[in-house]
């Protein structure tokens, strides 16, 4: 059965599964152990407990956005662009956690987060071409990654230079 089959998972199941996989991969790469705790962080940093609910909301909105855009345009070209944009974004989202927490390179992640932020802009454009609400649902993601980029930059300034572990 195809993606649109009534008896299969369909776009909603695939989008939810993809969001869960990205969240799990990022979560498994995230370790807030002694290295992270020793970093100097700006006073305005959101509390650690806020990151889980915020990311859960963002992943939920992103999955809904993907489904709305997928269902809005059945053309193979539109769907291929949509899948490519979301796939690139997913890779960049996961890569940030690996670079920051596993390789312990906030300096590299500051560059990477700029590409992540740009990929969200591409998602907004790609989804906005076919469904305006789908694009609007991505704005919290864009804003949160903007905050994350500022936080990442502050950590680099407060703690650098960094060297490979």
C-alpha atoms as a PDB file:
ATOM      1  CA  UNK A   1       0.000   0.000   0.000  1.00  0.00           C
ATOM      2  CA  UNK A   2       1.322   3.485  -0.843  1.00  0.00           C
ATOM      3  CA  UNK A   3       1.737   6.494   1.351  1.00  0.00           C
ATOM      4  CA  UNK A   4      -1.839   7.547   0.717  1.00  0.00           C
ATOM      5  CA  UNK A   5      -3.431   4.149   1.306  1.00  0.00           C
ATOM      6  CA  UNK A   6      -6.280   4.239   3.797  1.00  0.00           C
ATOM      7  CA  UNK A   7      -5.251   0.942   5.376  1.00  0.00           C
ATOM      8  CA  UNK A   8      -1.571   1.857   5.774  1.00  0.00           C
ATOM      9  CA  UNK A   9       0.253   4.282   7.951  1.00  0.00           C
ATOM     10  CA  UNK A  10      -0.111   7.065   5.431  1.00  0.00           C
ATOM     11  CA  UNK A  11       1.623  10.429   5.564  1.00  0.00           C
ATOM     12  CA  UNK A  12       0.725  11.077   9.211  1.00  0.00           C
ATOM     13  CA  UNK A  13       2.289   7.847  10.422  1.00  0.00           C
ATOM     14  CA  UNK A  14       5.418   8.377   8.355  1.00  0.00           C
ATOM     15  CA  UNK A  15       5.788  11.990   9.516  1.00  0.00           C
ATOM     16  CA  UNK A  16       5.236  11.004  13.156  1.00  0.00           C
ATOM     17  CA  UNK A  17       7.708   8.143  12.854  1.00  0.00           C
ATOM     18  CA  UNK A  18      10.315  10.396  11.254  1.00  0.00           C
ATOM     19  CA  UNK A  19       9.846  13.033  13.973  1.00  0.00           C
ATOM     20  CA  UNK A  20      10.224  10.386  16.680  1.00  0.00           C
ATOM     21  CA  UNK A  21      13.385   8.996  15.046  1.00  0.00           C
ATOM     22  CA  UNK A  22      14.963  12.450  14.790  1.00  0.00           C
ATOM     23  CA  UNK A  23      14.028  13.223  18.401  1.00  0.00           C
ATOM     24  CA  UNK A  24      15.410   9.882  19.620  1.00  0.00           C
ATOM     25  CA  UNK A  25      18.650  10.232  17.662  1.00  0.00           C
ATOM     26  CA  UNK A  26      19.195  13.756  18.962  1.00  0.00           C
ATOM     27  CA  UNK A  27      18.280  12.681  22.477  1.00  0.00           C
ATOM     28  CA  UNK A  28      20.681   9.743  22.430  1.00  0.00           C
ATOM     29  CA  UNK A  29      23.499  12.062  21.359  1.00  0.00           C
ATOM     30  CA  UNK A  30      22.688  14.597  24.073  1.00  0.00           C
ATOM     31  CA  UNK A  31      24.568  14.133  27.328  1.00  0.00           C
ATOM     32  CA  UNK A  32      24.462  16.797  30.000  1.00  0.00           C
ATOM     33  CA  UNK A  33      27.226  15.267  32.073  1.00  0.00           C
ATOM     34  CA  UNK A  34      30.255  16.868  33.711  1.00  0.00           C
ATOM     35  CA  UNK A  35      31.640  18.454  30.524  1.00  0.00           C
ATOM     36  CA  UNK A  36      28.384  20.240  29.769  1.00  0.00           C
ATOM     37  CA  UNK A  37      27.787  21.199  33.401  1.00  0.00           C
ATOM     38  CA  UNK A  38      31.258  22.764  33.561  1.00  0.00           C
ATOM     39  CA  UNK A  39      30.544  25.077  30.620  1.00  0.00           C
ATOM     40  CA  UNK A  40      29.875  28.705  31.423  1.00  0.00           C
ATOM     41  CA  UNK A  41      26.437  29.590  30.099  1.00  0.00           C
ATOM     42  CA  UNK A  42      24.706  32.959  29.850  1.00  0.00           C
ATOM     43  CA  UNK A  43      22.229  33.923  32.561  1.00  0.00           C
ATOM     44  CA  UNK A  44      19.417  34.137  30.003  1.00  0.00           C
ATOM     45  CA  UNK A  45      19.734  30.449  28.995  1.00  0.00           C
ATOM     46  CA  UNK A  46      16.374  28.688  29.238  1.00  0.00           C
ATOM     47  CA  UNK A  47      16.221  26.159  32.092  1.00  0.00           C
ATOM     48  CA  UNK A  48      17.226  22.611  31.165  1.00  0.00           C
ATOM     49  CA  UNK A  49      13.713  21.291  31.899  1.00  0.00           C
ATOM     50  CA  UNK A  50      12.259  23.557  29.147  1.00  0.00           C
ATOM     51  CA  UNK A  51      14.128  21.899  26.289  1.00  0.00           C
ATOM     52  CA  UNK A  52      12.102  18.647  26.297  1.00  0.00           C
ATOM     53  CA  UNK A  53       8.642  20.239  26.081  1.00  0.00           C
ATOM     54  CA  UNK A  54       9.813  22.823  23.549  1.00  0.00           C
ATOM     55  CA  UNK A  55      11.365  20.203  21.269  1.00  0.00           C
ATOM     56  CA  UNK A  56       8.326  17.939  21.627  1.00  0.00           C
ATOM     57  CA  UNK A  57       6.100  20.808  20.507  1.00  0.00           C
ATOM     58  CA  UNK A  58       8.428  21.680  17.627  1.00  0.00           C
ATOM     59  CA  UNK A  59       8.621  18.086  16.388  1.00  0.00           C
ATOM     60  CA  UNK A  60       4.831  17.781  16.599  1.00  0.00           C
ATOM     61  CA  UNK A  61       4.281  21.003  14.641  1.00  0.00           C
ATOM     62  CA  UNK A  62       6.902  19.968  12.085  1.00  0.00           C
ATOM     63  CA  UNK A  63       5.215  16.602  11.504  1.00  0.00           C
ATOM     64  CA  UNK A  64       1.818  18.293  11.106  1.00  0.00           C
ATOM     65  CA  UNK A  65       3.383  20.787   8.702  1.00  0.00           C
ATOM     66  CA  UNK A  66       4.877  17.995   6.605  1.00  0.00           C
ATOM     67  CA  UNK A  67       1.551  16.156   6.388  1.00  0.00           C
ATOM     68  CA  UNK A  68      -0.355  19.301   5.420  1.00  0.00           C
ATOM     69  CA  UNK A  69       2.157  20.110   2.685  1.00  0.00           C
ATOM     70  CA  UNK A  70       2.276  16.501   1.458  1.00  0.00           C
ATOM     71  CA  UNK A  71      -1.502  16.339   1.164  1.00  0.00           C
ATOM     72  CA  UNK A  72      -1.754  19.769  -0.472  1.00  0.00           C
ATOM     73  CA  UNK A  73       0.193  18.841  -3.619  1.00  0.00           C
ATOM     74  CA  UNK A  74       0.290  15.317  -5.019  1.00  0.00           C
ATOM     75  CA  UNK A  75       2.737  16.149  -7.813  1.00  0.00           C
ATOM     76  CA  UNK A  76       5.895  14.042  -7.698  1.00  0.00           C
ATOM     77  CA  UNK A  77       8.116  17.132  -8.034  1.00  0.00           C
ATOM     78  CA  UNK A  78       6.489  18.941  -5.099  1.00  0.00           C
ATOM     79  CA  UNK A  79       6.640  15.848  -2.927  1.00  0.00           C
ATOM     80  CA  UNK A  80      10.268  15.147  -3.853  1.00  0.00           C
ATOM     81  CA  UNK A  81      11.206  18.717  -2.870  1.00  0.00           C
ATOM     82  CA  UNK A  82       9.308  18.341   0.370  1.00  0.00           C
ATOM     83  CA  UNK A  83      10.974  15.043   1.308  1.00  0.00           C
ATOM     84  CA  UNK A  84      14.426  16.371   0.384  1.00  0.00           C
ATOM     85  CA  UNK A  85      13.987  19.544   2.450  1.00  0.00           C
ATOM     86  CA  UNK A  86      12.752  17.642   5.507  1.00  0.00           C
ATOM     87  CA  UNK A  87      15.495  15.001   5.156  1.00  0.00           C
ATOM     88  CA  UNK A  88      18.274  17.603   5.018  1.00  0.00           C
ATOM     89  CA  UNK A  89      16.766  19.370   8.003  1.00  0.00           C
ATOM     90  CA  UNK A  90      16.550  16.114   9.976  1.00  0.00           C
ATOM     91  CA  UNK A  91      20.221  15.335   9.324  1.00  0.00           C
ATOM     92  CA  UNK A  92      21.260  18.839  10.393  1.00  0.00           C
ATOM     93  CA  UNK A  93      19.076  18.644  13.503  1.00  0.00           C
ATOM     94  CA  UNK A  94      20.683  15.379  14.598  1.00  0.00           C
ATOM     95  CA  UNK A  95      24.188  16.507  13.639  1.00  0.00           C
ATOM     96  CA  UNK A  96      24.021  19.467  16.007  1.00  0.00           C
ATOM     97  CA  UNK A  97      23.665  17.200  19.048  1.00  0.00           C
ATOM     98  CA  UNK A  98      26.498  14.966  17.920  1.00  0.00           C
ATOM     99  CA  UNK A  99      28.869  17.840  17.270  1.00  0.00           C
ATOM    100  CA  UNK A 100      28.037  19.682  20.484  1.00  0.00           C
ATOM    101  CA  UNK A 101      27.631  16.916  23.039  1.00  0.00           C
ATOM    102  CA  UNK A 102      29.676  14.010  21.648  1.00  0.00           C
ATOM    103  CA  UNK A 103      32.519  15.826  19.878  1.00  0.00           C
ATOM    104  CA  UNK A 104      32.317  18.681  22.399  1.00  0.00           C
ATOM    105  CA  UNK A 105      32.770  21.310  19.720  1.00  0.00           C
ATOM    106  CA  UNK A 106      30.426  24.242  20.369  1.00  0.00           C
ATOM    107  CA  UNK A 107      32.522  26.253  17.898  1.00  0.00           C
ATOM    108  CA  UNK A 108      31.713  23.828  15.085  1.00  0.00           C
ATOM    109  CA  UNK A 109      28.077  23.627  16.142  1.00  0.00           C
ATOM    110  CA  UNK A 110      27.752  27.384  15.897  1.00  0.00           C
ATOM    111  CA  UNK A 111      28.553  27.115  12.183  1.00  0.00           C
ATOM    112  CA  UNK A 112      26.316  24.048  11.859  1.00  0.00           C
ATOM    113  CA  UNK A 113      23.361  25.726  13.594  1.00  0.00           C
ATOM    114  CA  UNK A 114      23.437  28.467  10.978  1.00  0.00           C
ATOM    115  CA  UNK A 115      22.908  25.810   8.315  1.00  0.00           C
ATOM    116  CA  UNK A 116      20.147  24.244  10.443  1.00  0.00           C
ATOM    117  CA  UNK A 117      18.443  27.628  10.741  1.00  0.00           C
ATOM    118  CA  UNK A 118      18.766  28.165   6.985  1.00  0.00           C
ATOM    119  CA  UNK A 119      17.288  24.708   6.332  1.00  0.00           C
ATOM    120  CA  UNK A 120      14.221  25.696   8.360  1.00  0.00           C
ATOM    121  CA  UNK A 121      13.892  28.751   6.129  1.00  0.00           C
ATOM    122  CA  UNK A 122      13.962  26.414   3.123  1.00  0.00           C
ATOM    123  CA  UNK A 123      11.284  24.254   4.775  1.00  0.00           C
ATOM    124  CA  UNK A 124       9.121  27.325   5.232  1.00  0.00           C
ATOM    125  CA  UNK A 125       9.498  28.262   1.565  1.00  0.00           C
ATOM    126  CA  UNK A 126       8.943  24.710   0.253  1.00  0.00           C
ATOM    127  CA  UNK A 127       5.871  24.101   2.411  1.00  0.00           C
ATOM    128  CA  UNK A 128       4.573  27.635   1.921  1.00  0.00           C
ATOM    129  CA  UNK A 129       4.406  27.091  -1.841  1.00  0.00           C
ATOM    130  CA  UNK A 130       1.668  24.526  -1.326  1.00  0.00           C
ATOM    131  CA  UNK A 131       0.129  25.265   2.088  1.00  0.00           C
ATOM    132  CA  UNK A 132       0.353  28.534   4.009  1.00  0.00           C
ATOM    133  CA  UNK A 133      -0.584  27.093   7.408  1.00  0.00           C
ATOM    134  CA  UNK A 134       2.066  24.388   7.007  1.00  0.00           C
ATOM    135  CA  UNK A 135       4.667  27.122   6.636  1.00  0.00           C
ATOM    136  CA  UNK A 136       3.368  29.057   9.651  1.00  0.00           C
ATOM    137  CA  UNK A 137       3.598  25.948  11.832  1.00  0.00           C
ATOM    138  CA  UNK A 138       7.370  26.003  11.272  1.00  0.00           C
ATOM    139  CA  UNK A 139       7.860  29.502  12.703  1.00  0.00           C
ATOM    140  CA  UNK A 140       8.318  28.292  16.316  1.00  0.00           C
ATOM    141  CA  UNK A 141      11.069  25.972  15.054  1.00  0.00           C
ATOM    142  CA  UNK A 142      12.782  28.867  13.277  1.00  0.00           C
ATOM    143  CA  UNK A 143      12.525  31.060  16.380  1.00  0.00           C
ATOM    144  CA  UNK A 144      13.766  28.357  18.776  1.00  0.00           C
ATOM    145  CA  UNK A 145      16.761  27.507  16.601  1.00  0.00           C
ATOM    146  CA  UNK A 146      17.467  31.248  16.438  1.00  0.00           C
ATOM    147  CA  UNK A 147      17.569  31.288  20.243  1.00  0.00           C
ATOM    148  CA  UNK A 148      19.710  28.138  20.182  1.00  0.00           C
ATOM    149  CA  UNK A 149      22.137  29.823  17.771  1.00  0.00           C
ATOM    150  CA  UNK A 150      22.459  32.821  20.105  1.00  0.00           C
ATOM    151  CA  UNK A 151      22.972  30.487  23.067  1.00  0.00           C
ATOM    152  CA  UNK A 152      25.513  28.449  21.103  1.00  0.00           C
ATOM    153  CA  UNK A 153      27.416  31.631  20.208  1.00  0.00           C
ATOM    154  CA  UNK A 154      27.395  32.787  23.831  1.00  0.00           C
ATOM    155  CA  UNK A 155      28.786  29.429  24.977  1.00  0.00           C
ATOM    156  CA  UNK A 156      31.574  29.693  22.410  1.00  0.00           C
ATOM    157  CA  UNK A 157      32.430  33.224  23.562  1.00  0.00           C
ATOM    158  CA  UNK A 158      32.327  32.280  27.256  1.00  0.00           C
ATOM    159  CA  UNK A 159      34.301  29.039  26.955  1.00  0.00           C
ATOM    160  CA  UNK A 160      36.449  28.935  23.810  1.00  0.00           C
ATOM    161  CA  UNK A 161      38.751  27.979  22.343  1.00  0.00           C
ATOM    162  CA  UNK A 162      37.733  24.346  21.941  1.00  0.00           C
ATOM    163  CA  UNK A 163      39.881  21.448  20.881  1.00  0.00           C
ATOM    164  CA  UNK A 164      39.013  17.971  19.683  1.00  0.00           C
ATOM    165  CA  UNK A 165      38.438  15.526  22.508  1.00  0.00           C
END
